[in-house]
Amino acid sequence: MSKNVLILKGSPRKNGNSSVLADQAALGARQQGADVSSFRVDEMDIRPCDACDFCHDTDGICVIKDDMQTLYPKIQQADSIVIASPIYWFTINAQIKLCIDRWYAFQPVKAQVWPGKKIGIILTYGDSDPYNSGAVNAIHTFQSMFDYLDVEIAGIVYGSASDIGDVEKQPELMEKAYQLGEKLVL
């Protein structure tokens, strides 16, 4: 049975560097036989969580009718999830954060949603290293979040890439993203 890999791309640039690396991870996963679904969350209508707690009274059903209703079953069915984000203001960008905040709906059913999943993280930034750029803040956020959910982070790929096309000039970074996709399936 093939594995399901879900790719969530946060870059508002169609061919942004984090998206290009996410596509490499998708290629690696597909070549290992996975079924891959990829979404550009910046193009989706995802509204903020309004903390109504309706989901806590209805076993994880969110009352907000937007494009998260498309993603909720994909997240549940995924064996692995790749989250790709550029670093904005020293952490993940708003598009990815908005999507993740809506995972709050899974809180009452987290024991059914998260066990056994693998997570891949892809981050790109314009500065020279993960500390000056703030990527380290995003990494710590993901580590804390997935520790809480008791979910394995299978790998984190990150690198300096500001202008569109910068990652394509870094074959070692492209290869790391490809290998991440493979690892999420094996």
C-alpha atoms as a PDB file:
ATOM      1  CA  MET A   1       0.000   0.000   0.000  1.00  0.00           C
ATOM      2  CA  SER A   2       1.444   3.368  -0.972  1.00  0.00           C
ATOM      3  CA  LYS A   3       2.035   6.104   1.564  1.00  0.00           C
ATOM      4  CA  ASN A   4       0.188   9.424   1.470  1.00  0.00           C
ATOM      5  CA  VAL A   5       2.374  12.509   1.648  1.00  0.00           C
ATOM      6  CA  LEU A   6       0.830  15.950   2.095  1.00  0.00           C
ATOM      7  CA  ILE A   7       2.847  19.025   1.095  1.00  0.00           C
ATOM      8  CA  LEU A   8       1.842  22.418   2.522  1.00  0.00           C
ATOM      9  CA  LYS A   9       3.621  25.285   0.765  1.00  0.00           C
ATOM     10  CA  GLY A  10       3.471  28.705   2.385  1.00  0.00           C
ATOM     11  CA  SER A  11       5.354  30.892  -0.063  1.00  0.00           C
ATOM     12  CA  PRO A  12       3.242  33.561  -1.759  1.00  0.00           C
ATOM     13  CA  ARG A  13       5.716  33.366  -4.655  1.00  0.00           C
ATOM     14  CA  LYS A  14       4.570  30.770  -7.183  1.00  0.00           C
ATOM     15  CA  ASN A  15       8.148  29.580  -7.699  1.00  0.00           C
ATOM     16  CA  GLY A  16       9.489  30.669  -4.320  1.00  0.00           C
ATOM     17  CA  ASN A  17      12.548  28.917  -2.980  1.00  0.00           C
ATOM     18  CA  SER A  18      10.743  27.006  -0.223  1.00  0.00           C
ATOM     19  CA  SER A  19       8.176  25.847  -2.810  1.00  0.00           C
ATOM     20  CA  VAL A  20      10.902  24.644  -5.173  1.00  0.00           C
ATOM     21  CA  LEU A  21      12.452  22.633  -2.339  1.00  0.00           C
ATOM     22  CA  ALA A  22       9.002  21.275  -1.431  1.00  0.00           C
ATOM     23  CA  ASP A  23       8.591  20.143  -5.031  1.00  0.00           C
ATOM     24  CA  GLN A  24      11.935  18.328  -4.744  1.00  0.00           C
ATOM     25  CA  ALA A  25      10.693  16.562  -1.612  1.00  0.00           C
ATOM     26  CA  ALA A  26       7.515  15.633  -3.491  1.00  0.00           C
ATOM     27  CA  LEU A  27       9.617  14.186  -6.321  1.00  0.00           C
ATOM     28  CA  GLY A  28      11.645  12.120  -3.861  1.00  0.00           C
ATOM     29  CA  ALA A  29       8.454  10.806  -2.244  1.00  0.00           C
ATOM     30  CA  ARG A  30       6.799  10.014  -5.591  1.00  0.00           C
ATOM     31  CA  GLN A  31       9.845   8.125  -6.778  1.00  0.00           C
ATOM     32  CA  GLN A  32       9.522   5.945  -3.677  1.00  0.00           C
ATOM     33  CA  GLY A  33       5.925   5.156  -4.681  1.00  0.00           C
ATOM     34  CA  ALA A  34       4.038   7.654  -2.512  1.00  0.00           C
ATOM     35  CA  ASP A  35       0.811   9.396  -3.419  1.00  0.00           C
ATOM     36  CA  VAL A  36       1.576  13.100  -3.006  1.00  0.00           C
ATOM     37  CA  SER A  37      -0.916  15.945  -2.578  1.00  0.00           C
ATOM     38  CA  SER A  38       0.447  19.466  -2.659  1.00  0.00           C
ATOM     39  CA  PHE A  39      -1.302  22.695  -1.660  1.00  0.00           C
ATOM     40  CA  ARG A  40      -0.235  26.328  -1.859  1.00  0.00           C
ATOM     41  CA  VAL A  41      -1.857  27.620   1.308  1.00  0.00           C
ATOM     42  CA  ASP A  42      -1.378  31.232   0.188  1.00  0.00           C
ATOM     43  CA  GLU A  43      -3.975  30.578  -2.544  1.00  0.00           C
ATOM     44  CA  MET A  44      -6.481  29.064  -0.137  1.00  0.00           C
ATOM     45  CA  ASP A  45      -9.217  30.783   1.829  1.00  0.00           C
ATOM     46  CA  ILE A  46      -8.064  29.958   5.345  1.00  0.00           C
ATOM     47  CA  ARG A  47      -9.440  32.165   8.063  1.00  0.00           C
ATOM     48  CA  PRO A  48      -7.999  32.474  11.573  1.00  0.00           C
ATOM     49  CA  CYS A  49      -9.174  30.272  14.411  1.00  0.00           C
ATOM     50  CA  ASP A  50     -11.748  32.224  16.388  1.00  0.00           C
ATOM     51  CA  ALA A  51     -11.300  30.143  19.579  1.00  0.00           C
ATOM     52  CA  CYS A  52     -14.996  29.316  19.792  1.00  0.00           C
ATOM     53  CA  ASP A  53     -14.152  25.752  20.971  1.00  0.00           C
ATOM     54  CA  PHE A  54     -16.967  24.301  18.845  1.00  0.00           C
ATOM     55  CA  CYS A  55     -14.433  21.675  17.760  1.00  0.00           C
ATOM     56  CA  HIS A  56     -14.030  20.561  21.363  1.00  0.00           C
ATOM     57  CA  ASP A  57     -17.743  19.850  21.639  1.00  0.00           C
ATOM     58  CA  THR A  58     -17.974  18.078  18.272  1.00  0.00           C
ATOM     59  CA  ASP A  59     -14.951  15.754  18.216  1.00  0.00           C
ATOM     60  CA  GLY A  60     -12.775  17.926  16.024  1.00  0.00           C
ATOM     61  CA  ILE A  61     -15.262  19.467  13.624  1.00  0.00           C
ATOM     62  CA  CYS A  62     -14.447  23.099  12.921  1.00  0.00           C
ATOM     63  CA  VAL A  63     -17.392  25.442  12.502  1.00  0.00           C
ATOM     64  CA  ILE A  64     -15.533  27.745  10.082  1.00  0.00           C
ATOM     65  CA  LYS A  65     -16.429  26.817   6.514  1.00  0.00           C
ATOM     66  CA  ASP A  66     -13.386  27.655   4.439  1.00  0.00           C
ATOM     67  CA  ASP A  67     -10.638  25.761   2.609  1.00  0.00           C
ATOM     68  CA  MET A  68      -9.446  24.078   5.803  1.00  0.00           C
ATOM     69  CA  GLN A  69     -12.418  21.775   5.253  1.00  0.00           C
ATOM     70  CA  THR A  70     -10.443  20.467   2.246  1.00  0.00           C
ATOM     71  CA  LEU A  71      -7.228  20.125   4.244  1.00  0.00           C
ATOM     72  CA  TYR A  72      -8.606  18.496   7.408  1.00  0.00           C
ATOM     73  CA  PRO A  73      -9.207  15.068   5.799  1.00  0.00           C
ATOM     74  CA  LYS A  74      -5.907  15.306   3.898  1.00  0.00           C
ATOM     75  CA  ILE A  75      -4.051  15.922   7.173  1.00  0.00           C
ATOM     76  CA  GLN A  76      -5.843  13.023   8.826  1.00  0.00           C
ATOM     77  CA  GLN A  77      -5.123  10.625   5.946  1.00  0.00           C
ATOM     78  CA  ALA A  78      -1.484  11.648   5.486  1.00  0.00           C
ATOM     79  CA  ASP A  79       1.279   9.320   6.588  1.00  0.00           C
ATOM     80  CA  SER A  80       3.730  12.222   6.263  1.00  0.00           C
ATOM     81  CA  ILE A  81       3.400  15.991   6.047  1.00  0.00           C
ATOM     82  CA  VAL A  82       5.916  18.445   4.596  1.00  0.00           C
ATOM     83  CA  ILE A  83       5.622  22.043   5.763  1.00  0.00           C
ATOM     84  CA  ALA A  84       7.515  24.517   3.581  1.00  0.00           C
ATOM     85  CA  SER A  85       7.845  28.152   4.588  1.00  0.00           C
ATOM     86  CA  PRO A  86      10.025  31.135   3.869  1.00  0.00           C
ATOM     87  CA  ILE A  87      11.228  32.896   6.997  1.00  0.00           C
ATOM     88  CA  TYR A  88       9.444  36.205   7.526  1.00  0.00           C
ATOM     89  CA  TRP A  89      10.351  38.390  10.464  1.00  0.00           C
ATOM     90  CA  PHE A  90      12.384  35.700  12.200  1.00  0.00           C
ATOM     91  CA  THR A  91       9.929  32.783  12.016  1.00  0.00           C
ATOM     92  CA  ILE A  92       7.476  30.975   9.745  1.00  0.00           C
ATOM     93  CA  ASN A  93       5.313  33.117   7.515  1.00  0.00           C
ATOM     94  CA  ALA A  94       1.695  34.018   8.234  1.00  0.00           C
ATOM     95  CA  GLN A  95       0.274  31.735   5.560  1.00  0.00           C
ATOM     96  CA  ILE A  96       1.690  28.605   7.200  1.00  0.00           C
ATOM     97  CA  LYS A  97       0.992  29.840  10.725  1.00  0.00           C
ATOM     98  CA  LEU A  98      -2.647  30.503   9.872  1.00  0.00           C
ATOM     99  CA  CYS A  99      -3.032  26.940   8.589  1.00  0.00           C
ATOM    100  CA  ILE A 100      -1.288  25.423  11.615  1.00  0.00           C
ATOM    101  CA  ASP A 101      -3.374  27.472  14.049  1.00  0.00           C
ATOM    102  CA  ARG A 102      -6.466  25.817  12.605  1.00  0.00           C
ATOM    103  CA  TRP A 103      -5.069  22.410  13.601  1.00  0.00           C
ATOM    104  CA  TYR A 104      -6.496  23.360  16.995  1.00  0.00           C
ATOM    105  CA  ALA A 105      -9.652  21.608  15.801  1.00  0.00           C
ATOM    106  CA  PHE A 106      -7.773  18.308  16.085  1.00  0.00           C
ATOM    107  CA  GLN A 107      -7.105  18.848  19.794  1.00  0.00           C
ATOM    108  CA  PRO A 108      -9.986  16.652  21.014  1.00  0.00           C
ATOM    109  CA  VAL A 109      -9.087  13.887  18.537  1.00  0.00           C
ATOM    110  CA  LYS A 110      -5.298  14.220  18.450  1.00  0.00           C
ATOM    111  CA  ALA A 111      -4.829  10.584  19.492  1.00  0.00           C
ATOM    112  CA  GLN A 112      -6.571   9.564  16.265  1.00  0.00           C
ATOM    113  CA  VAL A 113      -4.908  12.126  13.976  1.00  0.00           C
ATOM    114  CA  TRP A 114      -1.206  12.308  14.804  1.00  0.00           C
ATOM    115  CA  PRO A 115       0.223   8.912  15.847  1.00  0.00           C
ATOM    116  CA  GLY A 116       2.628   7.417  13.334  1.00  0.00           C
ATOM    117  CA  LYS A 117       2.925  10.494  11.127  1.00  0.00           C
ATOM    118  CA  LYS A 118       6.305  11.779   9.994  1.00  0.00           C
ATOM    119  CA  ILE A 119       6.973  15.467   9.482  1.00  0.00           C
ATOM    120  CA  GLY A 120       9.373  17.172   7.102  1.00  0.00           C
ATOM    121  CA  ILE A 121      10.220  20.854   7.495  1.00  0.00           C
ATOM    122  CA  ILE A 122      11.602  23.063   4.710  1.00  0.00           C
ATOM    123  CA  LEU A 123      12.709  26.627   5.443  1.00  0.00           C
ATOM    124  CA  THR A 124      14.402  29.268   3.321  1.00  0.00           C
ATOM    125  CA  TYR A 125      15.641  32.678   4.366  1.00  0.00           C
ATOM    126  CA  GLY A 126      17.417  35.698   2.993  1.00  0.00           C
ATOM    127  CA  ASP A 127      20.157  36.021   5.579  1.00  0.00           C
ATOM    128  CA  SER A 128      23.395  34.084   5.760  1.00  0.00           C
ATOM    129  CA  ASP A 129      22.527  31.597   8.504  1.00  0.00           C
ATOM    130  CA  PRO A 130      19.648  30.152  10.528  1.00  0.00           C
ATOM    131  CA  TYR A 131      20.418  32.293  13.577  1.00  0.00           C
ATOM    132  CA  ASN A 132      20.587  35.721  11.968  1.00  0.00           C
ATOM    133  CA  SER A 133      17.582  34.939   9.771  1.00  0.00           C
ATOM    134  CA  GLY A 134      15.358  33.669  12.567  1.00  0.00           C
ATOM    135  CA  ALA A 135      15.022  30.183  11.069  1.00  0.00           C
ATOM    136  CA  VAL A 136      16.148  28.853  14.429  1.00  0.00           C
ATOM    137  CA  ASN A 137      12.958  30.323  15.937  1.00  0.00           C
ATOM    138  CA  ALA A 138      10.837  28.457  13.392  1.00  0.00           C
ATOM    139  CA  ILE A 139      12.777  25.251  14.067  1.00  0.00           C
ATOM    140  CA  HIS A 140      12.189  25.604  17.816  1.00  0.00           C
ATOM    141  CA  THR A 141       8.497  26.263  17.206  1.00  0.00           C
ATOM    142  CA  PHE A 142       8.164  23.108  15.115  1.00  0.00           C
ATOM    143  CA  GLN A 143      10.142  21.071  17.644  1.00  0.00           C
ATOM    144  CA  SER A 144       7.904  22.234  20.495  1.00  0.00           C
ATOM    145  CA  MET A 145       4.722  21.713  18.514  1.00  0.00           C
ATOM    146  CA  PHE A 146       5.551  18.216  17.329  1.00  0.00           C
ATOM    147  CA  ASP A 147       6.989  17.201  20.711  1.00  0.00           C
ATOM    148  CA  TYR A 148       3.610  18.133  22.179  1.00  0.00           C
ATOM    149  CA  LEU A 149       1.834  16.060  19.520  1.00  0.00           C
ATOM    150  CA  ASP A 150       4.341  13.204  19.970  1.00  0.00           C
ATOM    151  CA  VAL A 151       5.093  13.240  16.242  1.00  0.00           C
ATOM    152  CA  GLU A 152       8.489  12.548  14.698  1.00  0.00           C
ATOM    153  CA  ILE A 153      10.217  15.271  12.720  1.00  0.00           C
ATOM    154  CA  ALA A 154      11.939  13.100  10.128  1.00  0.00           C
ATOM    155  CA  GLY A 155      14.089  15.931   8.812  1.00  0.00           C
ATOM    156  CA  ILE A 156      14.582  19.662   8.469  1.00  0.00           C
ATOM    157  CA  VAL A 157      16.008  21.182   5.304  1.00  0.00           C
ATOM    158  CA  TYR A 158      16.955  24.846   5.426  1.00  0.00           C
ATOM    159  CA  GLY A 159      19.138  27.252   3.553  1.00  0.00           C
ATOM    160  CA  SER A 160      19.860  30.785   2.511  1.00  0.00           C
ATOM    161  CA  ALA A 161      17.936  31.697  -0.634  1.00  0.00           C
ATOM    162  CA  SER A 162      16.408  35.116  -1.117  1.00  0.00           C
ATOM    163  CA  ASP A 163      15.874  35.692  -4.835  1.00  0.00           C
ATOM    164  CA  ILE A 164      13.654  33.430  -6.913  1.00  0.00           C
ATOM    165  CA  GLY A 165      15.813  30.620  -8.283  1.00  0.00           C
ATOM    166  CA  ASP A 166      18.508  30.793  -5.592  1.00  0.00           C
ATOM    167  CA  VAL A 167      17.899  27.217  -4.383  1.00  0.00           C
ATOM    168  CA  GLU A 168      18.295  25.854  -7.894  1.00  0.00           C
ATOM    169  CA  LYS A 169      21.891  27.143  -7.795  1.00  0.00           C
ATOM    170  CA  GLN A 170      22.512  24.988  -4.700  1.00  0.00           C
ATOM    171  CA  PRO A 171      22.493  21.333  -5.819  1.00  0.00           C
ATOM    172  CA  GLU A 172      23.331  20.080  -2.319  1.00  0.00           C
ATOM    173  CA  LEU A 173      20.250  21.812  -0.883  1.00  0.00           C
ATOM    174  CA  MET A 174      18.061  20.466  -3.700  1.00  0.00           C
ATOM    175  CA  GLU A 175      19.409  16.971  -3.001  1.00  0.00           C
ATOM    176  CA  LYS A 176      18.679  17.287   0.726  1.00  0.00           C
ATOM    177  CA  ALA A 177      15.063  18.184  -0.068  1.00  0.00           C
ATOM    178  CA  TYR A 178      14.788  15.228  -2.442  1.00  0.00           C
ATOM    179  CA  GLN A 179      16.223  12.896   0.203  1.00  0.00           C
ATOM    180  CA  LEU A 180      13.757  14.267   2.757  1.00  0.00           C
ATOM    181  CA  GLY A 181      10.921  13.225   0.457  1.00  0.00           C
ATOM    182  CA  GLU A 182      12.394   9.734   0.184  1.00  0.00           C
ATOM    183  CA  LYS A 183      12.882   9.466   3.939  1.00  0.00           C
ATOM    184  CA  LEU A 184       9.255  10.352   4.610  1.00  0.00           C
ATOM    185  CA  VAL A 185       8.152   7.305   2.637  1.00  0.00           C
ATOM    186  CA  LEU A 186      10.704   4.726   3.741  1.00  0.00           C
END
